[in-house]
PDB file of N, CA and C in Angstrom:
ATOM      1  N   MET A   1       0.840  -1.275  -0.093  1.00  0.00           N
ATOM      2  CA  MET A   1      -0.057   0.016   0.055  1.00  0.00           C
ATOM      3  C   MET A   1       0.816   1.159   0.154  1.00  0.00           C
ATOM      4  N   GLN A   2       0.638   2.164  -0.902  1.00  0.00           N
ATOM      5  CA  GLN A   2       1.323   3.386  -0.912  1.00  0.00           C
ATOM      6  C   GLN A   2       0.921   4.439   0.069  1.00  0.00           C
ATOM      7  N   GLN A   3       1.843   4.957   0.905  1.00  0.00           N
ATOM      8  CA  GLN A   3       1.607   5.975   1.731  1.00  0.00           C
ATOM      9  C   GLN A   3       1.851   7.370   1.178  1.00  0.00           C
ATOM     10  N   GLY A   4       1.301   8.364   1.670  1.00  0.00           N
ATOM     11  CA  GLY A   4       1.461   9.701   1.340  1.00  0.00           C
ATOM     12  C   GLY A   4       0.114  10.347   0.928  1.00  0.00           C
ATOM     13  N   THR A   5      -0.031  11.587   0.513  1.00  0.00           N
ATOM     14  CA  THR A   5      -1.093  12.383   0.277  1.00  0.00           C
ATOM     15  C   THR A   5      -1.183  12.582  -1.236  1.00  0.00           C
ATOM     16  N   LEU A   6      -2.244  12.447  -1.873  1.00  0.00           N
ATOM     17  CA  LEU A   6      -2.686  12.741  -3.270  1.00  0.00           C
ATOM     18  C   LEU A   6      -3.503  13.955  -3.087  1.00  0.00           C
ATOM     19  N   PHE A   7      -3.355  15.184  -3.395  1.00  0.00           N
ATOM     20  CA  PHE A   7      -4.124  16.295  -3.238  1.00  0.00           C
ATOM     21  C   PHE A   7      -5.084  16.348  -4.524  1.00  0.00           C
ATOM     22  N   THR A   8      -6.369  16.806  -4.282  1.00  0.00           N
ATOM     23  CA  THR A   8      -7.226  16.887  -5.381  1.00  0.00           C
ATOM     24  C   THR A   8      -7.019  18.283  -6.292  1.00  0.00           C
ATOM     25  N   ARG A   9      -7.371  18.259  -7.439  1.00  0.00           N
ATOM     26  CA  ARG A   9      -7.181  19.308  -8.345  1.00  0.00           C
ATOM     27  C   ARG A   9      -7.937  20.549  -7.678  1.00  0.00           C
ATOM     28  N   ARG A  10      -9.233  20.273  -7.367  1.00  0.00           N
ATOM     29  CA  ARG A  10      -9.872  21.407  -6.614  1.00  0.00           C
ATOM     30  C   ARG A  10      -9.215  22.077  -5.521  1.00  0.00           C
ATOM     31  N   THR A  11      -8.623  21.202  -4.679  1.00  0.00           N
ATOM     32  CA  THR A  11      -7.965  21.817  -3.329  1.00  0.00           C
ATOM     33  C   THR A  11      -6.696  22.653  -3.792  1.00  0.00           C
ATOM     34  N   VAL A  12      -6.004  22.066  -4.885  1.00  0.00           N
ATOM     35  CA  VAL A  12      -4.741  22.708  -5.117  1.00  0.00           C
ATOM     36  C   VAL A  12      -5.090  23.906  -5.945  1.00  0.00           C
ATOM     37  N   GLU A  13      -6.153  24.067  -6.877  1.00  0.00           N
ATOM     38  CA  GLU A  13      -6.609  25.246  -7.485  1.00  0.00           C
ATOM     39  C   GLU A  13      -7.015  26.207  -6.455  1.00  0.00           C
ATOM     40  N   ARG A  14      -7.741  25.855  -5.441  1.00  0.00           N
ATOM     41  CA  ARG A  14      -8.157  26.848  -4.529  1.00  0.00           C
ATOM     42  C   ARG A  14      -7.089  27.392  -3.706  1.00  0.00           C
ATOM     43  N   HIS A  15      -5.960  26.611  -3.361  1.00  0.00           N
ATOM     44  CA  HIS A  15      -4.841  27.085  -2.706  1.00  0.00           C
ATOM     45  C   HIS A  15      -4.105  28.224  -3.612  1.00  0.00           C
ATOM     46  N   PHE A  16      -3.955  27.892  -4.855  1.00  0.00           N
ATOM     47  CA  PHE A  16      -3.409  29.005  -5.736  1.00  0.00           C
ATOM     48  C   PHE A  16      -4.142  30.253  -5.807  1.00  0.00           C
ATOM     49  N   ARG A  17      -5.346  30.043  -5.842  1.00  0.00           N
ATOM     50  CA  ARG A  17      -6.308  31.176  -5.893  1.00  0.00           C
ATOM     51  C   ARG A  17      -6.120  32.133  -4.613  1.00  0.00           C
ATOM     52  N   LYS A  18      -5.931  31.467  -3.540  1.00  0.00           N
ATOM     53  CA  LYS A  18      -5.950  32.169  -2.289  1.00  0.00           C
ATOM     54  C   LYS A  18      -4.478  32.724  -1.920  1.00  0.00           C
ATOM     55  N   HIS A  19      -3.478  32.016  -2.302  1.00  0.00           N
ATOM     56  CA  HIS A  19      -2.099  32.130  -1.882  1.00  0.00           C
ATOM     57  C   HIS A  19      -1.192  32.658  -2.989  1.00  0.00           C
ATOM     58  N   GLN A  20      -1.378  32.212  -4.183  1.00  0.00           N
ATOM     59  CA  GLN A  20      -0.455  32.706  -5.400  1.00  0.00           C
ATOM     60  C   GLN A  20      -1.287  33.122  -6.472  1.00  0.00           C
ATOM     61  N   ALA A  21      -2.205  34.057  -6.147  1.00  0.00           N
ATOM     62  CA  ALA A  21      -3.129  34.592  -7.163  1.00  0.00           C
ATOM     63  C   ALA A  21      -2.663  35.191  -8.279  1.00  0.00           C
ATOM     64  N   ARG A  22      -1.301  35.640  -8.266  1.00  0.00           N
ATOM     65  CA  ARG A  22      -0.709  36.405  -9.386  1.00  0.00           C
ATOM     66  C   ARG A  22       0.172  35.446 -10.232  1.00  0.00           C
ATOM     67  N   CYS A  23       0.146  34.132  -9.802  1.00  0.00           N
ATOM     68  CA  CYS A  23       1.083  33.371 -10.601  1.00  0.00           C
ATOM     69  C   CYS A  23       0.505  33.183 -12.012  1.00  0.00           C
ATOM     70  N   PRO A  24       1.343  33.388 -12.983  1.00  0.00           N
ATOM     71  CA  PRO A  24       0.842  33.335 -14.483  1.00  0.00           C
ATOM     72  C   PRO A  24       0.231  32.065 -14.642  1.00  0.00           C
ATOM     73  N   PRO A  25      -1.005  32.021 -15.345  1.00  0.00           N
ATOM     74  CA  PRO A  25      -1.813  30.934 -15.518  1.00  0.00           C
ATOM     75  C   PRO A  25      -1.047  29.674 -16.163  1.00  0.00           C
ATOM     76  N   GLU A  26      -0.185  30.118 -17.215  1.00  0.00           N
ATOM     77  CA  GLU A  26       0.551  28.973 -17.778  1.00  0.00           C
ATOM     78  C   GLU A  26       1.522  28.256 -16.791  1.00  0.00           C
ATOM     79  N   TYR A  27       2.048  29.040 -15.844  1.00  0.00           N
ATOM     80  CA  TYR A  27       2.888  28.425 -14.871  1.00  0.00           C
ATOM     81  C   TYR A  27       2.007  27.755 -13.941  1.00  0.00           C
ATOM     82  N   ARG A  28       1.016  28.326 -13.414  1.00  0.00           N
ATOM     83  CA  ARG A  28       0.098  27.585 -12.380  1.00  0.00           C
ATOM     84  C   ARG A  28      -0.364  26.277 -12.845  1.00  0.00           C
ATOM     85  N   GLU A  29      -0.716  26.244 -14.134  1.00  0.00           N
ATOM     86  CA  GLU A  29      -1.188  24.802 -14.691  1.00  0.00           C
ATOM     87  C   GLU A  29       0.023  23.793 -14.595  1.00  0.00           C
ATOM     88  N   ILE A  30       1.161  24.220 -15.018  1.00  0.00           N
ATOM     89  CA  ILE A  30       2.276  23.336 -14.853  1.00  0.00           C
ATOM     90  C   ILE A  30       2.590  22.837 -13.379  1.00  0.00           C
ATOM     91  N   LEU A  31       2.562  23.784 -12.494  1.00  0.00           N
ATOM     92  CA  LEU A  31       2.716  23.440 -11.039  1.00  0.00           C
ATOM     93  C   LEU A  31       1.573  22.457 -10.544  1.00  0.00           C
ATOM     94  N   ILE A  32       0.465  22.929 -10.836  1.00  0.00           N
ATOM     95  CA  ILE A  32      -0.691  22.071 -10.458  1.00  0.00           C
ATOM     96  C   ILE A  32      -0.558  20.635 -10.936  1.00  0.00           C
ATOM     97  N   GLU A  33      -0.259  20.498 -12.164  1.00  0.00           N
ATOM     98  CA  GLU A  33       0.031  19.171 -12.747  1.00  0.00           C
ATOM     99  C   GLU A  33       1.201  18.463 -11.958  1.00  0.00           C
ATOM    100  N   ARG A  34       2.342  19.033 -11.701  1.00  0.00           N
ATOM    101  CA  ARG A  34       3.395  18.488 -10.856  1.00  0.00           C
ATOM    102  C   ARG A  34       3.121  18.081  -9.519  1.00  0.00           C
ATOM    103  N   ILE A  35       2.183  18.933  -8.958  1.00  0.00           N
ATOM    104  CA  ILE A  35       1.815  18.566  -7.484  1.00  0.00           C
ATOM    105  C   ILE A  35       0.807  17.281  -7.616  1.00  0.00           C
ATOM    106  N   LEU A  36      -0.137  17.209  -8.635  1.00  0.00           N
ATOM    107  CA  LEU A  36      -1.136  16.170  -8.622  1.00  0.00           C
ATOM    108  C   LEU A  36      -0.520  14.866  -9.158  1.00  0.00           C
ATOM    109  N   ALA A  37       0.779  14.899  -9.696  1.00  0.00           N
ATOM    110  CA  ALA A  37       1.349  13.778 -10.303  1.00  0.00           C
ATOM    111  C   ALA A  37       2.176  12.806  -9.216  1.00  0.00           C
ATOM    112  N   LYS A  38       2.160  13.416  -8.016  1.00  0.00           N
ATOM    113  CA  LYS A  38       3.064  12.808  -6.936  1.00  0.00           C
ATOM    114  C   LYS A  38       2.282  12.504  -5.622  1.00  0.00           C
ATOM    115  N   ARG A  39       2.618  11.523  -5.024  1.00  0.00           N
ATOM    116  CA  ARG A  39       2.120  11.325  -3.469  1.00  0.00           C
ATOM    117  C   ARG A  39       3.153  12.050  -2.645  1.00  0.00           C
ATOM    118  N   TRP A  40       2.649  12.796  -1.837  1.00  0.00           N
ATOM    119  CA  TRP A  40       3.570  13.608  -0.941  1.00  0.00           C
ATOM    120  C   TRP A  40       3.428  13.236   0.460  1.00  0.00           C
ATOM    121  N   THR A  41       4.637  12.886   1.127  1.00  0.00           N
ATOM    122  CA  THR A  41       4.712  12.257   2.437  1.00  0.00           C
ATOM    123  C   THR A  41       4.893  13.367   3.348  1.00  0.00           C
ATOM    124  N   GLU A  42       4.067  13.427   4.391  1.00  0.00           N
ATOM    125  CA  GLU A  42       4.252  14.361   5.547  1.00  0.00           C
ATOM    126  C   GLU A  42       4.632  15.592   5.134  1.00  0.00           C
ATOM    127  N   ALA A  43       3.895  16.211   4.112  1.00  0.00           N
ATOM    128  CA  ALA A  43       3.858  17.658   3.747  1.00  0.00           C
ATOM    129  C   ALA A  43       2.521  18.222   3.565  1.00  0.00           C
ATOM    130  N   SER A  44       2.368  19.428   4.121  1.00  0.00           N
ATOM    131  CA  SER A  44       1.123  20.156   3.943  1.00  0.00           C
ATOM    132  C   SER A  44       1.050  20.600   2.470  1.00  0.00           C
ATOM    133  N   LEU A  45      -0.084  20.994   2.115  1.00  0.00           N
ATOM    134  CA  LEU A  45      -0.250  21.483   0.700  1.00  0.00           C
ATOM    135  C   LEU A  45       0.561  22.799   0.442  1.00  0.00           C
ATOM    136  N   GLY A  46       0.554  23.608   1.425  1.00  0.00           N
ATOM    137  CA  GLY A  46       1.463  24.879   1.396  1.00  0.00           C
ATOM    138  C   GLY A  46       2.905  24.680   1.245  1.00  0.00           C
ATOM    139  N   LYS A  47       3.314  23.542   2.033  1.00  0.00           N
ATOM    140  CA  LYS A  47       4.793  23.262   1.751  1.00  0.00           C
ATOM    141  C   LYS A  47       5.151  22.613   0.422  1.00  0.00           C
ATOM    142  N   VAL A  48       4.116  21.811  -0.033  1.00  0.00           N
ATOM    143  CA  VAL A  48       4.212  21.226  -1.278  1.00  0.00           C
ATOM    144  C   VAL A  48       4.328  22.292  -2.451  1.00  0.00           C
ATOM    145  N   VAL A  49       3.366  23.308  -2.358  1.00  0.00           N
ATOM    146  CA  VAL A  49       3.286  24.394  -3.369  1.00  0.00           C
ATOM    147  C   VAL A  49       4.791  25.038  -3.300  1.00  0.00           C
ATOM    148  N   GLY A  50       5.257  25.337  -2.169  1.00  0.00           N
ATOM    149  CA  GLY A  50       6.442  26.030  -1.952  1.00  0.00           C
ATOM    150  C   GLY A  50       7.583  25.254  -2.507  1.00  0.00           C
ATOM    151  N   ILE A  51       7.726  24.002  -2.397  1.00  0.00           N
ATOM    152  CA  ILE A  51       8.720  22.960  -3.012  1.00  0.00           C
ATOM    153  C   ILE A  51       8.514  23.170  -4.450  1.00  0.00           C
ATOM    154  N   VAL A  52       7.464  22.931  -5.016  1.00  0.00           N
ATOM    155  CA  VAL A  52       7.238  22.737  -6.550  1.00  0.00           C
ATOM    156  C   VAL A  52       7.513  24.188  -7.138  1.00  0.00           C
ATOM    157  N   ALA A  53       7.047  25.082  -6.705  1.00  0.00           N
ATOM    158  CA  ALA A  53       7.104  26.521  -7.140  1.00  0.00           C
ATOM    159  C   ALA A  53       8.508  26.995  -7.114  1.00  0.00           C
ATOM    160  N   SER A  54       9.295  26.690  -6.004  1.00  0.00           N
ATOM    161  CA  SER A  54      10.787  27.126  -5.848  1.00  0.00           C
ATOM    162  C   SER A  54      11.497  26.342  -6.921  1.00  0.00           C
ATOM    163  N   THR A  55      11.297  25.084  -7.051  1.00  0.00           N
ATOM    164  CA  THR A  55      12.064  24.316  -8.021  1.00  0.00           C
ATOM    165  C   THR A  55      11.795  24.856  -9.327  1.00  0.00           C
ATOM    166  N   PHE A  56      10.575  25.046  -9.606  1.00  0.00           N
ATOM    167  CA  PHE A  56      10.107  25.433 -10.943  1.00  0.00           C
ATOM    168  C   PHE A  56      10.735  26.825 -11.341  1.00  0.00           C
ATOM    169  N   ALA A  57      10.800  27.777 -10.414  1.00  0.00           N
ATOM    170  CA  ALA A  57      11.259  29.149 -10.580  1.00  0.00           C
ATOM    171  C   ALA A  57      12.734  29.026 -10.832  1.00  0.00           C
ATOM    172  N   ARG A  58      13.452  28.166  -9.829  1.00  0.00           N
ATOM    173  CA  ARG A  58      14.754  28.150 -10.054  1.00  0.00           C
ATOM    174  C   ARG A  58      15.362  27.497 -11.331  1.00  0.00           C
ATOM    175  N   HIS A  59      14.647  26.499 -11.852  1.00  0.00           N
ATOM    176  CA  HIS A  59      15.245  25.783 -13.136  1.00  0.00           C
ATOM    177  C   HIS A  59      14.722  26.388 -14.354  1.00  0.00           C
ATOM    178  N   GLN A  60      13.461  27.046 -14.229  1.00  0.00           N
ATOM    179  CA  GLN A  60      12.961  27.527 -15.478  1.00  0.00           C
ATOM    180  C   GLN A  60      12.987  29.024 -15.703  1.00  0.00           C
ATOM    181  N   LEU A  61      13.117  29.757 -14.522  1.00  0.00           N
ATOM    182  CA  LEU A  61      13.104  31.178 -14.771  1.00  0.00           C
ATOM    183  C   LEU A  61      14.205  31.954 -14.272  1.00  0.00           C
ATOM    184  N   THR A  62      15.285  31.190 -14.042  1.00  0.00           N
ATOM    185  CA  THR A  62      16.580  31.886 -13.529  1.00  0.00           C
ATOM    186  C   THR A  62      17.700  31.223 -14.448  1.00  0.00           C
ATOM    187  N   ASP A  63      18.948  31.562 -14.230  1.00  0.00           N
ATOM    188  CA  ASP A  63      20.175  31.198 -14.813  1.00  0.00           C
ATOM    189  C   ASP A  63      20.746  29.923 -14.137  1.00  0.00           C
ATOM    190  N   TYR A  64      19.990  29.399 -13.123  1.00  0.00           N
ATOM    191  CA  TYR A  64      20.511  28.182 -12.263  1.00  0.00           C
ATOM    192  C   TYR A  64      21.097  27.221 -13.174  1.00  0.00           C
ATOM    193  N   ASP A  65      20.382  26.551 -14.180  1.00  0.00           N
ATOM    194  CA  ASP A  65      21.018  25.479 -15.013  1.00  0.00           C
ATOM    195  C   ASP A  65      22.184  25.907 -15.641  1.00  0.00           C
ATOM    196  N   ARG A  66      22.172  27.141 -16.199  1.00  0.00           N
ATOM    197  CA  ARG A  66      23.486  27.593 -16.959  1.00  0.00           C
ATOM    198  C   ARG A  66      24.536  27.807 -16.013  1.00  0.00           C
ATOM    199  N   LEU A  67      24.354  28.144 -14.771  1.00  0.00           N
ATOM    200  CA  LEU A  67      25.517  28.327 -13.894  1.00  0.00           C
ATOM    201  C   LEU A  67      26.020  26.869 -13.496  1.00  0.00           C
ATOM    202  N   LEU A  68      25.097  25.876 -13.369  1.00  0.00           N
ATOM    203  CA  LEU A  68      25.636  24.625 -13.142  1.00  0.00           C
ATOM    204  C   LEU A  68      26.405  24.041 -14.114  1.00  0.00           C
ATOM    205  N   ALA A  69      26.198  24.400 -15.298  1.00  0.00           N
ATOM    206  CA  ALA A  69      27.121  24.012 -16.554  1.00  0.00           C
ATOM    207  C   ALA A  69      28.492  24.658 -16.547  1.00  0.00           C
ATOM    208  N   ILE A  70      28.517  25.685 -15.937  1.00  0.00           N
ATOM    209  CA  ILE A  70      29.775  26.358 -15.782  1.00  0.00           C
ATOM    210  C   ILE A  70      30.937  25.510 -15.123  1.00  0.00           C
ATOM    211  N   SER A  71      31.983  25.068 -15.560  1.00  0.00           N
ATOM    212  CA  SER A  71      32.998  24.236 -14.999  1.00  0.00           C
ATOM    213  C   SER A  71      33.270  24.735 -13.432  1.00  0.00           C
ATOM    214  N   GLY A  72      33.189  23.763 -12.577  1.00  0.00           N
ATOM    215  CA  GLY A  72      33.483  24.164 -11.170  1.00  0.00           C
ATOM    216  C   GLY A  72      32.461  24.752 -10.320  1.00  0.00           C
ATOM    217  N   MET A  73      31.261  25.088 -10.938  1.00  0.00           N
ATOM    218  CA  MET A  73      30.271  25.655 -10.117  1.00  0.00           C
ATOM    219  C   MET A  73      29.474  24.664  -9.331  1.00  0.00           C
ATOM    220  N   ALA A  74      29.481  24.782  -8.032  1.00  0.00           N
ATOM    221  CA  ALA A  74      28.699  23.834  -7.200  1.00  0.00           C
ATOM    222  C   ALA A  74      27.246  24.191  -7.060  1.00  0.00           C
ATOM    223  N   ARG A  75      26.479  23.134  -6.745  1.00  0.00           N
ATOM    224  CA  ARG A  75      25.056  23.435  -6.642  1.00  0.00           C
ATOM    225  C   ARG A  75      24.690  24.525  -5.653  1.00  0.00           C
ATOM    226  N   ALA A  76      25.423  24.455  -4.445  1.00  0.00           N
ATOM    227  CA  ALA A  76      25.145  25.350  -3.358  1.00  0.00           C
ATOM    228  C   ALA A  76      25.486  26.862  -3.801  1.00  0.00           C
ATOM    229  N   GLU A  77      26.626  26.964  -4.626  1.00  0.00           N
ATOM    230  CA  GLU A  77      26.839  28.263  -5.066  1.00  0.00           C
ATOM    231  C   GLU A  77      25.798  28.854  -6.101  1.00  0.00           C
ATOM    232  N   ALA A  78      25.509  27.986  -6.988  1.00  0.00           N
ATOM    233  CA  ALA A  78      24.423  28.290  -8.011  1.00  0.00           C
ATOM    234  C   ALA A  78      23.057  28.750  -7.447  1.00  0.00           C
ATOM    235  N   ARG A  79      22.657  27.902  -6.360  1.00  0.00           N
ATOM    236  CA  ARG A  79      21.457  28.216  -5.522  1.00  0.00           C
ATOM    237  C   ARG A  79      21.648  29.513  -4.872  1.00  0.00           C
ATOM    238  N   LEU A  80      22.664  29.762  -4.349  1.00  0.00           N
ATOM    239  CA  LEU A  80      22.872  31.018  -3.679  1.00  0.00           C
ATOM    240  C   LEU A  80      22.804  32.356  -4.619  1.00  0.00           C
ATOM    241  N   ILE A  81      23.382  32.103  -5.801  1.00  0.00           N
ATOM    242  CA  ILE A  81      23.438  33.074  -6.732  1.00  0.00           C
ATOM    243  C   ILE A  81      21.912  33.401  -7.221  1.00  0.00           C
ATOM    244  N   VAL A  82      21.171  32.495  -7.368  1.00  0.00           N
ATOM    245  CA  VAL A  82      19.689  32.794  -7.802  1.00  0.00           C
ATOM    246  C   VAL A  82      18.830  32.782  -6.746  1.00  0.00           C
ATOM    247  N   SER A  83      19.131  32.615  -5.540  1.00  0.00           N
ATOM    248  CA  SER A  83      18.161  32.711  -4.333  1.00  0.00           C
ATOM    249  C   SER A  83      17.347  33.935  -4.292  1.00  0.00           C
ATOM    250  N   ARG A  84      18.053  34.948  -4.497  1.00  0.00           N
ATOM    251  CA  ARG A  84      17.135  36.301  -4.404  1.00  0.00           C
ATOM    252  C   ARG A  84      16.053  36.415  -5.584  1.00  0.00           C
ATOM    253  N   GLU A  85      16.567  35.968  -6.658  1.00  0.00           N
ATOM    254  CA  GLU A  85      15.668  36.072  -7.852  1.00  0.00           C
ATOM    255  C   GLU A  85      14.581  35.006  -7.691  1.00  0.00           C
ATOM    256  N   VAL A  86      14.635  33.990  -7.322  1.00  0.00           N
ATOM    257  CA  VAL A  86      13.612  33.026  -6.922  1.00  0.00           C
ATOM    258  C   VAL A  86      12.730  33.506  -5.841  1.00  0.00           C
ATOM    259  N   SER A  87      13.177  34.104  -4.816  1.00  0.00           N
ATOM    260  CA  SER A  87      12.387  34.648  -3.839  1.00  0.00           C
ATOM    261  C   SER A  87      11.548  35.899  -4.360  1.00  0.00           C
ATOM    262  N   ASP A  88      12.153  36.644  -5.141  1.00  0.00           N
ATOM    263  CA  ASP A  88      11.376  37.843  -5.678  1.00  0.00           C
ATOM    264  C   ASP A  88      10.299  37.193  -6.684  1.00  0.00           C
ATOM    265  N   ILE A  89      10.583  36.256  -7.417  1.00  0.00           N
ATOM    266  CA  ILE A  89       9.488  35.448  -8.318  1.00  0.00           C
ATOM    267  C   ILE A  89       8.326  35.078  -7.468  1.00  0.00           C
ATOM    268  N   LEU A  90       8.592  34.323  -6.423  1.00  0.00           N
ATOM    269  CA  LEU A  90       7.640  33.781  -5.660  1.00  0.00           C
ATOM    270  C   LEU A  90       6.799  34.799  -4.863  1.00  0.00           C
ATOM    271  N   GLU A  91       7.503  35.782  -4.423  1.00  0.00           N
ATOM    272  CA  GLU A  91       6.768  37.026  -3.724  1.00  0.00           C
ATOM    273  C   GLU A  91       5.892  37.684  -4.865  1.00  0.00           C
ATOM    274  N   SER A  92       6.249  37.780  -5.991  1.00  0.00           N
ATOM    275  CA  SER A  92       5.464  38.466  -7.068  1.00  0.00           C
ATOM    276  C   SER A  92       4.161  37.722  -7.235  1.00  0.00           C
ATOM    277  N   TRP A  93       4.134  36.354  -6.973  1.00  0.00           N
ATOM    278  CA  TRP A  93       3.067  35.590  -7.279  1.00  0.00           C
ATOM    279  C   TRP A  93       1.887  35.764  -6.135  1.00  0.00           C
ATOM    280  N   ARG A  94       2.471  36.124  -4.894  1.00  0.00           N
ATOM    281  CA  ARG A  94       1.641  36.205  -3.803  1.00  0.00           C
ATOM    282  C   ARG A  94       0.814  37.467  -3.912  1.00  0.00           C
ATOM    283  N   SER A  95      -0.477  37.317  -3.542  1.00  0.00           N
ATOM    284  CA  SER A  95      -1.417  38.451  -3.571  1.00  0.00           C
ATOM    285  C   SER A  95      -2.726  38.237  -2.812  1.00  0.00           C
ATOM    286  N   THR A  96      -3.495  39.148  -2.948  1.00  0.00           N
ATOM    287  CA  THR A  96      -4.856  39.201  -2.558  1.00  0.00           C
ATOM    288  C   THR A  96      -5.665  37.980  -3.242  1.00  0.00           C
ATOM    289  N   ALA A  97      -6.279  37.244  -2.552  1.00  0.00           N
ATOM    290  CA  ALA A  97      -7.030  36.025  -3.052  1.00  0.00           C
ATOM    291  C   ALA A  97      -7.991  36.362  -4.187  1.00  0.00           C
ATOM    292  N   LEU A  98      -8.028  35.578  -5.253  1.00  0.00           N
ATOM    293  CA  LEU A  98      -9.138  35.705  -6.282  1.00  0.00           C
ATOM    294  C   LEU A  98     -10.497  34.924  -5.800  1.00  0.00           C
ATOM    295  N   PRO A  99     -11.410  35.424  -6.305  1.00  0.00           N
ATOM    296  CA  PRO A  99     -12.730  34.720  -5.899  1.00  0.00           C
ATOM    297  C   PRO A  99     -12.770  33.321  -6.635  1.00  0.00           C
TER     298      PRO A  99
END
């Protein structure tokens, strides 16, 4: 028997409307699909959204992967370089809830 939580689309969409209302719709759909595709162990929906959104922003919306391709660049160093940009992106998605 598999353990973990499978969130419903309705629950995840409601969370996005309430907490990440300004996340662009094309990104929101990608993030929702990623959340729904996995069983999450011991993680609240808020934590799951944070993990998935941070990972997406880091890999898709910053130079993180390009930095990793630079010879000798460690993951920790690349994460540090893009951390402010990732935080700014996630903050820009937060806003007043949509109906």
